[in-house]
Amino acid sequence: MHPPDDDPDLFRRLHGDVKRVRSDKVHHHRNRPEPQARFRRDDDEQVLSESVSGQVDPAELETGEELTYKRPHVRPADFRKLRRGQFSIAEEIDLHGLSADEARAALGEFLTEAVARRLRCVRVIHGKGLRSGPTGPVIKRRIGRWLRRRDDVLAFCSARPVDGGTGAVYVLLGSGS
């Protein structure tokens, strides 16, 4: 005598050991495309294009924590000229060795006098903080904030390597109005 076709033993004999499905949902696994770093690719293409053109901005050669700031009304051409060190430096101040409070006061006096004398561009040497110990540069960390707060500072940027690099900034001054 043969067992009926719907017998569970017949099923096991034909299909072997099976495990009960705990879910009745089908999961389709799609191969997702590899992510593409579009902005990185664009940056790489721009760098390649600039390297072939032969035009190199000396202000971009030095790596490090570069400081830059420009008020919206400053012409891009003037900011480029500042970054390239093409403004004549009328005066400079060196803040090496000063405490943060001393440096802030000295910078304030220096800039006030420079504006009163109608100087267009000055250099502020703040140092790179290489001997500041584990806390890092003290004055360099604060100088950008101090300069941004002054209405008479139109723009500033790290100097070219020959003028102190990331240890100094060129400051473009205006009347402060």
N, C-alpha and C. Protein backbone atom coordinates (compact mmCIF):
# COMPACT_ATOMS: atom_id res chain seq x y z
N MET A 1 0.82 -1.17 0.00
CA MET A 1 0.00 0.00 0.00
C MET A 1 0.88 1.24 0.00
N HIS A 2 0.52 2.21 -0.86
CA HIS A 2 1.28 3.45 -0.99
C HIS A 2 0.65 4.54 -0.17
N PRO A 3 1.50 5.35 0.44
CA PRO A 3 0.93 6.47 1.20
C PRO A 3 0.31 7.49 0.26
N PRO A 4 -0.65 8.27 0.74
CA PRO A 4 -1.25 9.29 -0.13
C PRO A 4 -0.22 10.37 -0.50
N ASP A 5 -0.51 11.09 -1.60
CA ASP A 5 0.44 12.11 -2.11
C ASP A 5 0.66 13.26 -1.14
N ASP A 6 -0.26 13.53 -0.27
CA ASP A 6 -0.09 14.67 0.64
C ASP A 6 0.52 14.24 1.98
N ASP A 7 1.07 13.08 2.03
CA ASP A 7 1.66 12.56 3.26
C ASP A 7 2.95 13.32 3.58
N PRO A 8 3.14 13.78 4.81
CA PRO A 8 4.37 14.49 5.17
C PRO A 8 5.62 13.62 5.00
N ASP A 9 5.49 12.30 5.15
CA ASP A 9 6.66 11.43 4.95
C ASP A 9 7.11 11.46 3.50
N LEU A 10 6.17 11.47 2.58
CA LEU A 10 6.50 11.54 1.16
C LEU A 10 7.27 12.84 0.87
N PHE A 11 6.81 13.94 1.43
CA PHE A 11 7.47 15.24 1.24
C PHE A 11 8.91 15.18 1.73
N ARG A 12 9.13 14.62 2.94
CA ARG A 12 10.49 14.54 3.51
C ARG A 12 11.38 13.63 2.66
N ARG A 13 10.80 12.55 2.14
CA ARG A 13 11.60 11.65 1.29
C ARG A 13 12.02 12.33 -0.01
N LEU A 14 11.14 13.14 -0.56
CA LEU A 14 11.46 13.81 -1.82
C LEU A 14 12.39 15.01 -1.65
N HIS A 15 12.25 15.75 -0.55
CA HIS A 15 12.98 17.01 -0.39
C HIS A 15 14.02 16.97 0.73
N GLY A 16 14.13 15.95 1.46
CA GLY A 16 15.11 15.86 2.52
C GLY A 16 14.73 16.71 3.72
N ASP A 17 15.72 16.98 4.58
CA ASP A 17 15.46 17.81 5.76
C ASP A 17 15.21 19.25 5.33
N VAL A 18 14.21 19.83 5.87
CA VAL A 18 13.89 21.24 5.61
C VAL A 18 13.66 21.93 6.94
N LYS A 19 13.81 23.23 6.94
CA LYS A 19 13.55 24.02 8.14
C LYS A 19 12.35 24.91 7.89
N ARG A 20 11.58 25.08 8.93
CA ARG A 20 10.40 25.91 8.84
C ARG A 20 10.82 27.38 8.61
N VAL A 21 10.15 28.04 7.71
CA VAL A 21 10.40 29.46 7.44
C VAL A 21 9.71 30.27 8.52
N ARG A 22 10.48 31.16 9.15
CA ARG A 22 9.90 31.96 10.24
C ARG A 22 9.19 33.21 9.73
N SER A 23 9.46 33.60 8.50
CA SER A 23 8.84 34.80 7.95
C SER A 23 8.34 34.48 6.55
N ASP A 24 7.24 35.09 6.19
CA ASP A 24 6.72 34.85 4.85
C ASP A 24 7.09 35.99 3.89
N LYS A 25 8.00 36.88 4.33
CA LYS A 25 8.43 38.01 3.50
C LYS A 25 9.65 37.61 2.68
N VAL A 26 9.67 38.04 1.46
CA VAL A 26 10.80 37.77 0.58
C VAL A 26 11.73 38.97 0.64
N HIS A 27 12.99 38.70 0.88
CA HIS A 27 13.99 39.77 0.93
C HIS A 27 14.81 39.73 -0.34
N HIS A 28 14.69 40.78 -1.12
CA HIS A 28 15.47 40.87 -2.35
C HIS A 28 16.75 41.64 -2.04
N HIS A 29 17.85 41.06 -2.34
CA HIS A 29 19.13 41.72 -2.11
C HIS A 29 19.59 42.35 -3.42
N ARG A 30 19.62 43.67 -3.42
CA ARG A 30 20.08 44.39 -4.60
C ARG A 30 21.53 44.77 -4.40
N ASN A 31 22.30 44.65 -5.41
CA ASN A 31 23.68 45.13 -5.36
C ASN A 31 23.65 46.64 -5.52
N ARG A 32 24.04 47.31 -4.47
CA ARG A 32 24.06 48.77 -4.54
C ARG A 32 25.30 49.23 -5.29
N PRO A 33 25.16 50.29 -6.05
CA PRO A 33 26.34 50.78 -6.76
C PRO A 33 27.37 51.35 -5.77
N GLU A 34 28.61 51.27 -6.16
CA GLU A 34 29.68 51.81 -5.32
C GLU A 34 29.47 53.32 -5.16
N PRO A 35 29.66 53.85 -3.97
CA PRO A 35 29.52 55.31 -3.80
C PRO A 35 30.62 56.02 -4.57
N GLN A 36 30.28 57.16 -5.10
CA GLN A 36 31.26 57.95 -5.84
C GLN A 36 31.43 59.29 -5.15
N ALA A 37 32.64 59.62 -4.85
CA ALA A 37 32.95 60.89 -4.18
C ALA A 37 32.98 61.99 -5.23
N ARG A 38 31.81 62.51 -5.56
CA ARG A 38 31.70 63.49 -6.63
C ARG A 38 32.51 64.75 -6.35
N PHE A 39 32.44 65.28 -5.13
CA PHE A 39 33.17 66.50 -4.81
C PHE A 39 34.67 66.25 -4.82
N ARG A 40 35.08 65.10 -4.34
CA ARG A 40 36.51 64.79 -4.35
C ARG A 40 37.00 64.67 -5.78
N ARG A 41 36.20 64.02 -6.62
CA ARG A 41 36.58 63.88 -8.03
C ARG A 41 36.69 65.26 -8.67
N ASP A 42 35.74 66.15 -8.39
CA ASP A 42 35.80 67.51 -8.93
C ASP A 42 37.05 68.25 -8.43
N ASP A 43 37.36 68.10 -7.13
CA ASP A 43 38.55 68.73 -6.57
C ASP A 43 39.81 68.20 -7.24
N ASP A 44 39.88 66.88 -7.43
CA ASP A 44 41.04 66.28 -8.08
C ASP A 44 41.20 66.81 -9.50
N GLU A 45 40.08 66.94 -10.21
CA GLU A 45 40.14 67.46 -11.58
C GLU A 45 40.60 68.91 -11.59
N GLN A 46 40.15 69.70 -10.63
CA GLN A 46 40.56 71.10 -10.56
C GLN A 46 42.05 71.20 -10.26
N VAL A 47 42.54 70.39 -9.32
CA VAL A 47 43.96 70.40 -8.98
C VAL A 47 44.79 70.01 -10.20
N LEU A 48 44.35 68.98 -10.92
CA LEU A 48 45.06 68.56 -12.12
C LEU A 48 45.08 69.68 -13.15
N SER A 49 43.95 70.31 -13.35
CA SER A 49 43.85 71.40 -14.31
C SER A 49 44.79 72.56 -13.93
N GLU A 50 44.81 72.91 -12.65
CA GLU A 50 45.67 74.00 -12.19
C GLU A 50 47.15 73.63 -12.31
N SER A 51 47.47 72.36 -12.08
CA SER A 51 48.87 71.96 -12.17
C SER A 51 49.36 72.00 -13.61
N VAL A 52 48.48 71.73 -14.56
CA VAL A 52 48.85 71.77 -15.97
C VAL A 52 48.96 73.21 -16.45
N SER A 53 48.14 74.10 -15.89
CA SER A 53 48.15 75.49 -16.35
C SER A 53 49.44 76.21 -15.97
N GLY A 54 50.13 75.73 -14.95
CA GLY A 54 51.39 76.34 -14.54
C GLY A 54 51.23 77.56 -13.65
N GLN A 55 50.01 77.96 -13.34
CA GLN A 55 49.78 79.12 -12.48
C GLN A 55 49.64 78.64 -11.05
N VAL A 56 50.62 78.97 -10.22
CA VAL A 56 50.60 78.53 -8.83
C VAL A 56 50.56 79.77 -7.95
N ASP A 57 49.64 79.78 -7.03
CA ASP A 57 49.54 80.87 -6.07
C ASP A 57 50.48 80.54 -4.91
N PRO A 58 51.54 81.35 -4.68
CA PRO A 58 52.49 81.04 -3.61
C PRO A 58 51.84 80.92 -2.24
N ALA A 59 50.72 81.60 -2.03
CA ALA A 59 50.05 81.53 -0.74
C ALA A 59 49.49 80.15 -0.47
N GLU A 60 49.33 79.33 -1.52
CA GLU A 60 48.76 78.01 -1.34
C GLU A 60 49.81 76.92 -1.20
N LEU A 61 51.09 77.27 -1.29
CA LEU A 61 52.14 76.27 -1.22
C LEU A 61 52.36 75.75 0.19
N GLU A 62 52.22 76.57 1.19
CA GLU A 62 52.49 76.16 2.56
C GLU A 62 51.26 75.49 3.13
N THR A 63 51.47 74.36 3.76
CA THR A 63 50.34 73.69 4.41
C THR A 63 50.35 74.08 5.87
N GLY A 64 49.28 73.91 6.53
CA GLY A 64 49.17 74.28 7.94
C GLY A 64 47.84 74.93 8.17
N GLU A 65 47.66 75.45 9.35
CA GLU A 65 46.39 76.07 9.69
C GLU A 65 46.38 77.51 9.22
N GLU A 66 45.93 77.68 8.00
CA GLU A 66 45.90 79.01 7.40
C GLU A 66 44.71 79.79 7.93
N LEU A 67 44.92 81.07 8.18
CA LEU A 67 43.86 81.95 8.64
C LEU A 67 43.42 82.83 7.47
N THR A 68 42.12 82.89 7.22
CA THR A 68 41.60 83.77 6.18
C THR A 68 40.25 84.32 6.60
N TYR A 69 40.01 85.56 6.18
CA TYR A 69 38.72 86.20 6.46
C TYR A 69 38.59 87.39 5.51
N LYS A 70 37.36 87.60 5.02
CA LYS A 70 37.10 88.73 4.13
C LYS A 70 35.68 89.18 4.37
N ARG A 71 35.50 90.48 4.54
CA ARG A 71 34.15 91.02 4.64
C ARG A 71 33.49 90.94 3.27
N PRO A 72 32.17 90.82 3.22
CA PRO A 72 31.48 90.63 1.94
C PRO A 72 31.75 91.73 0.91
N HIS A 73 31.96 92.96 1.34
CA HIS A 73 32.12 94.06 0.38
C HIS A 73 33.55 94.20 -0.15
N VAL A 74 34.48 93.39 0.33
CA VAL A 74 35.86 93.43 -0.18
C VAL A 74 35.90 92.75 -1.54
N ARG A 75 36.47 93.44 -2.50
CA ARG A 75 36.54 92.90 -3.86
C ARG A 75 37.41 91.65 -3.88
N PRO A 76 36.98 90.62 -4.61
CA PRO A 76 37.79 89.39 -4.71
C PRO A 76 39.21 89.67 -5.23
N ALA A 77 39.35 90.62 -6.14
CA ALA A 77 40.68 90.95 -6.68
C ALA A 77 41.59 91.50 -5.57
N ASP A 78 41.03 92.31 -4.66
CA ASP A 78 41.82 92.84 -3.55
C ASP A 78 42.21 91.72 -2.58
N PHE A 79 41.30 90.77 -2.36
CA PHE A 79 41.62 89.67 -1.46
C PHE A 79 42.70 88.77 -2.07
N ARG A 80 42.61 88.52 -3.37
CA ARG A 80 43.66 87.74 -4.05
C ARG A 80 45.01 88.45 -3.94
N LYS A 81 44.98 89.75 -4.13
CA LYS A 81 46.21 90.55 -4.03
C LYS A 81 46.79 90.46 -2.61
N LEU A 82 45.93 90.48 -1.61
CA LEU A 82 46.36 90.35 -0.22
C LEU A 82 46.99 88.97 0.01
N ARG A 83 46.33 87.93 -0.47
CA ARG A 83 46.85 86.56 -0.30
C ARG A 83 48.19 86.36 -0.97
N ARG A 84 48.39 87.04 -2.07
CA ARG A 84 49.65 86.90 -2.80
C ARG A 84 50.75 87.79 -2.24
N GLY A 85 50.42 88.58 -1.23
CA GLY A 85 51.43 89.45 -0.63
C GLY A 85 51.79 90.63 -1.52
N GLN A 86 50.84 91.09 -2.33
CA GLN A 86 51.12 92.14 -3.29
C GLN A 86 50.81 93.54 -2.78
N PHE A 87 50.26 93.66 -1.57
CA PHE A 87 50.10 94.97 -0.95
C PHE A 87 51.41 95.31 -0.25
N SER A 88 51.76 96.57 -0.26
CA SER A 88 52.95 97.01 0.46
C SER A 88 52.64 96.98 1.95
N ILE A 89 53.52 96.32 2.72
CA ILE A 89 53.33 96.23 4.16
C ILE A 89 53.84 97.54 4.78
N ALA A 90 52.93 98.35 5.32
CA ALA A 90 53.29 99.66 5.84
C ALA A 90 53.90 99.57 7.23
N GLU A 91 53.50 98.59 8.02
CA GLU A 91 53.96 98.47 9.41
C GLU A 91 53.74 97.03 9.84
N GLU A 92 54.42 96.62 10.89
CA GLU A 92 54.20 95.28 11.43
C GLU A 92 54.37 95.28 12.94
N ILE A 93 53.78 94.27 13.56
CA ILE A 93 53.91 94.07 15.01
C ILE A 93 54.21 92.60 15.25
N ASP A 94 55.09 92.34 16.20
CA ASP A 94 55.46 90.98 16.56
C ASP A 94 54.92 90.69 17.95
N LEU A 95 54.05 89.72 18.07
CA LEU A 95 53.40 89.40 19.34
C LEU A 95 54.05 88.20 20.05
N HIS A 96 55.18 87.71 19.52
CA HIS A 96 55.87 86.58 20.15
C HIS A 96 56.17 86.87 21.62
N GLY A 97 55.98 85.88 22.45
CA GLY A 97 56.37 85.98 23.86
C GLY A 97 55.39 86.73 24.74
N LEU A 98 54.33 87.28 24.16
CA LEU A 98 53.34 88.00 24.97
C LEU A 98 52.26 87.03 25.45
N SER A 99 51.68 87.34 26.58
CA SER A 99 50.53 86.56 27.03
C SER A 99 49.34 86.93 26.14
N ALA A 100 48.28 86.18 26.21
CA ALA A 100 47.10 86.47 25.38
C ALA A 100 46.56 87.86 25.67
N ASP A 101 46.48 88.24 26.94
CA ASP A 101 45.97 89.57 27.29
C ASP A 101 46.89 90.67 26.79
N GLU A 102 48.20 90.48 26.94
CA GLU A 102 49.16 91.48 26.45
C GLU A 102 49.08 91.59 24.93
N ALA A 103 48.98 90.45 24.26
CA ALA A 103 48.92 90.45 22.80
C ALA A 103 47.66 91.15 22.31
N ARG A 104 46.55 90.90 22.95
CA ARG A 104 45.29 91.54 22.53
C ARG A 104 45.37 93.05 22.69
N ALA A 105 45.90 93.50 23.81
CA ALA A 105 46.03 94.95 24.04
C ALA A 105 47.00 95.58 23.04
N ALA A 106 48.15 94.93 22.83
CA ALA A 106 49.14 95.46 21.89
C ALA A 106 48.57 95.49 20.47
N LEU A 107 47.85 94.47 20.07
CA LEU A 107 47.25 94.43 18.75
C LEU A 107 46.22 95.55 18.59
N GLY A 108 45.40 95.75 19.61
CA GLY A 108 44.39 96.80 19.55
C GLY A 108 45.02 98.18 19.38
N GLU A 109 46.05 98.47 20.15
CA GLU A 109 46.74 99.76 20.04
C GLU A 109 47.38 99.91 18.66
N PHE A 110 48.04 98.85 18.21
CA PHE A 110 48.72 98.87 16.92
C PHE A 110 47.73 99.16 15.78
N LEU A 111 46.60 98.46 15.77
CA LEU A 111 45.63 98.65 14.69
C LEU A 111 44.96 100.01 14.76
N THR A 112 44.67 100.49 15.95
CA THR A 112 44.07 101.82 16.10
C THR A 112 45.00 102.88 15.54
N GLU A 113 46.29 102.77 15.86
CA GLU A 113 47.26 103.74 15.35
C GLU A 113 47.43 103.60 13.83
N ALA A 114 47.43 102.38 13.33
CA ALA A 114 47.58 102.16 11.89
C ALA A 114 46.41 102.77 11.12
N VAL A 115 45.20 102.62 11.62
CA VAL A 115 44.02 103.19 10.98
C VAL A 115 44.09 104.72 11.05
N ALA A 116 44.50 105.25 12.20
CA ALA A 116 44.62 106.70 12.34
C ALA A 116 45.64 107.26 11.34
N ARG A 117 46.68 106.48 11.05
CA ARG A 117 47.70 106.91 10.09
C ARG A 117 47.31 106.56 8.65
N ARG A 118 46.11 106.01 8.48
CA ARG A 118 45.57 105.63 7.17
C ARG A 118 46.45 104.62 6.44
N LEU A 119 47.00 103.66 7.20
CA LEU A 119 47.79 102.59 6.59
C LEU A 119 46.81 101.59 5.97
N ARG A 120 47.15 101.09 4.81
CA ARG A 120 46.26 100.18 4.08
C ARG A 120 46.46 98.72 4.47
N CYS A 121 47.74 98.32 4.64
CA CYS A 121 48.03 96.91 4.91
C CYS A 121 49.15 96.80 5.93
N VAL A 122 48.95 95.94 6.93
CA VAL A 122 49.95 95.70 7.97
C VAL A 122 50.14 94.19 8.13
N ARG A 123 51.25 93.85 8.77
CA ARG A 123 51.50 92.43 9.06
C ARG A 123 51.54 92.24 10.56
N VAL A 124 50.88 91.19 11.01
CA VAL A 124 50.86 90.83 12.43
C VAL A 124 51.55 89.47 12.55
N ILE A 125 52.65 89.44 13.27
CA ILE A 125 53.37 88.19 13.49
C ILE A 125 52.89 87.63 14.83
N HIS A 126 52.23 86.49 14.76
CA HIS A 126 51.68 85.88 15.98
C HIS A 126 52.42 84.61 16.35
N GLY A 127 53.19 84.05 15.45
CA GLY A 127 53.92 82.81 15.71
C GLY A 127 53.06 81.60 15.42
N LYS A 128 53.71 80.47 15.37
CA LYS A 128 53.01 79.22 15.07
C LYS A 128 52.72 78.42 16.33
N GLY A 129 53.22 78.87 17.46
CA GLY A 129 52.95 78.18 18.72
C GLY A 129 53.75 76.91 18.89
N LEU A 130 54.90 76.82 18.23
CA LEU A 130 55.69 75.58 18.30
C LEU A 130 56.25 75.32 19.69
N ARG A 131 56.43 76.37 20.48
CA ARG A 131 56.96 76.19 21.85
C ARG A 131 55.88 76.40 22.91
N SER A 132 54.63 76.27 22.51
CA SER A 132 53.53 76.51 23.44
C SER A 132 53.19 75.30 24.29
N GLY A 133 53.83 74.19 24.03
CA GLY A 133 53.55 73.00 24.83
C GLY A 133 52.31 72.28 24.35
N PRO A 134 51.74 71.44 25.21
CA PRO A 134 50.61 70.60 24.81
C PRO A 134 49.33 71.36 24.50
N THR A 135 49.22 72.58 24.98
CA THR A 135 47.99 73.35 24.71
C THR A 135 47.97 73.93 23.31
N GLY A 136 49.10 73.93 22.63
CA GLY A 136 49.15 74.46 21.26
C GLY A 136 49.28 75.97 21.25
N PRO A 137 49.18 76.56 20.05
CA PRO A 137 49.36 78.01 19.92
C PRO A 137 48.28 78.78 20.67
N VAL A 138 48.71 79.76 21.44
CA VAL A 138 47.76 80.55 22.24
C VAL A 138 47.26 81.74 21.44
N ILE A 139 48.18 82.55 20.93
CA ILE A 139 47.79 83.77 20.22
C ILE A 139 47.18 83.43 18.87
N LYS A 140 47.77 82.50 18.17
CA LYS A 140 47.27 82.14 16.84
C LYS A 140 45.82 81.68 16.90
N ARG A 141 45.47 80.95 17.93
CA ARG A 141 44.09 80.46 18.07
C ARG A 141 43.10 81.60 18.23
N ARG A 142 43.56 82.72 18.78
CA ARG A 142 42.64 83.82 19.11
C ARG A 142 42.68 84.98 18.13
N ILE A 143 43.76 85.09 17.38
CA ILE A 143 43.95 86.29 16.57
C ILE A 143 42.85 86.48 15.53
N GLY A 144 42.38 85.41 14.94
CA GLY A 144 41.31 85.52 13.95
C GLY A 144 40.04 86.12 14.55
N ARG A 145 39.72 85.68 15.73
CA ARG A 145 38.52 86.21 16.42
C ARG A 145 38.70 87.69 16.77
N TRP A 146 39.89 88.04 17.24
CA TRP A 146 40.16 89.45 17.59
C TRP A 146 40.04 90.34 16.36
N LEU A 147 40.59 89.90 15.25
CA LEU A 147 40.58 90.71 14.04
C LEU A 147 39.17 90.82 13.46
N ARG A 148 38.39 89.76 13.50
CA ARG A 148 37.02 89.79 12.96
C ARG A 148 36.13 90.77 13.71
N ARG A 149 36.40 90.98 14.97
CA ARG A 149 35.56 91.87 15.79
C ARG A 149 35.78 93.35 15.49
N ARG A 150 36.85 93.66 14.81
CA ARG A 150 37.18 95.06 14.53
C ARG A 150 36.55 95.50 13.21
N ASP A 151 35.80 96.58 13.24
CA ASP A 151 35.17 97.09 12.02
C ASP A 151 36.19 97.63 11.03
N ASP A 152 37.36 98.03 11.50
CA ASP A 152 38.36 98.60 10.59
C ASP A 152 39.20 97.53 9.89
N VAL A 153 39.01 96.26 10.23
CA VAL A 153 39.70 95.16 9.54
C VAL A 153 38.78 94.67 8.42
N LEU A 154 39.22 94.88 7.18
CA LEU A 154 38.42 94.49 6.02
C LEU A 154 38.65 93.02 5.66
N ALA A 155 39.91 92.57 5.81
CA ALA A 155 40.26 91.20 5.46
C ALA A 155 41.60 90.86 6.10
N PHE A 156 41.84 89.57 6.24
CA PHE A 156 43.17 89.11 6.66
C PHE A 156 43.39 87.70 6.14
N CYS A 157 44.66 87.34 6.04
CA CYS A 157 45.01 85.99 5.59
C CYS A 157 46.42 85.68 6.05
N SER A 158 46.73 84.40 6.14
CA SER A 158 48.08 83.99 6.49
C SER A 158 49.04 84.52 5.45
N ALA A 159 50.23 84.87 5.92
CA ALA A 159 51.25 85.46 5.05
C ALA A 159 51.88 84.41 4.14
N ARG A 160 52.57 84.87 3.12
CA ARG A 160 53.35 83.97 2.28
C ARG A 160 54.48 83.40 3.12
N PRO A 161 55.02 82.25 2.74
CA PRO A 161 56.10 81.64 3.53
C PRO A 161 57.28 82.59 3.77
N VAL A 162 57.61 83.41 2.80
CA VAL A 162 58.74 84.33 2.94
C VAL A 162 58.46 85.41 4.00
N ASP A 163 57.19 85.67 4.29
CA ASP A 163 56.81 86.69 5.26
C ASP A 163 56.32 86.12 6.58
N GLY A 164 56.56 84.84 6.82
CA GLY A 164 56.16 84.24 8.09
C GLY A 164 55.16 83.11 7.96
N GLY A 165 54.61 82.90 6.77
CA GLY A 165 53.67 81.80 6.55
C GLY A 165 52.52 81.80 7.52
N THR A 166 52.21 80.63 8.06
CA THR A 166 51.06 80.51 8.96
C THR A 166 51.38 81.04 10.36
N GLY A 167 52.53 81.67 10.51
CA GLY A 167 52.88 82.31 11.78
C GLY A 167 52.67 83.82 11.74
N ALA A 168 52.08 84.31 10.64
CA ALA A 168 51.82 85.74 10.49
C ALA A 168 50.60 85.94 9.61
N VAL A 169 49.98 87.10 9.72
CA VAL A 169 48.85 87.43 8.85
C VAL A 169 49.05 88.81 8.25
N TYR A 170 48.59 88.93 6.99
CA TYR A 170 48.47 90.24 6.36
C TYR A 170 47.09 90.74 6.74
N VAL A 171 47.00 92.01 7.09
CA VAL A 171 45.71 92.60 7.49
C VAL A 171 45.42 93.79 6.60
N LEU A 172 44.29 93.78 5.92
CA LEU A 172 43.84 94.88 5.07
C LEU A 172 42.93 95.76 5.90
N LEU A 173 43.28 97.03 5.99
CA LEU A 173 42.56 97.95 6.86
C LEU A 173 41.71 98.94 6.07
N GLY A 174 40.66 99.41 6.72
CA GLY A 174 39.78 100.45 6.15
C GLY A 174 39.46 101.43 7.26
N SER A 175 38.54 102.30 6.99
CA SER A 175 38.20 103.34 7.96
C SER A 175 37.35 102.83 9.12
N GLY A 176 36.73 101.67 8.94
CA GLY A 176 35.89 101.13 10.03
C GLY A 176 34.49 101.65 10.01
N SER A 177 34.08 102.29 8.93
CA SER A 177 32.73 102.84 8.86
C SER A 177 31.73 101.83 8.38
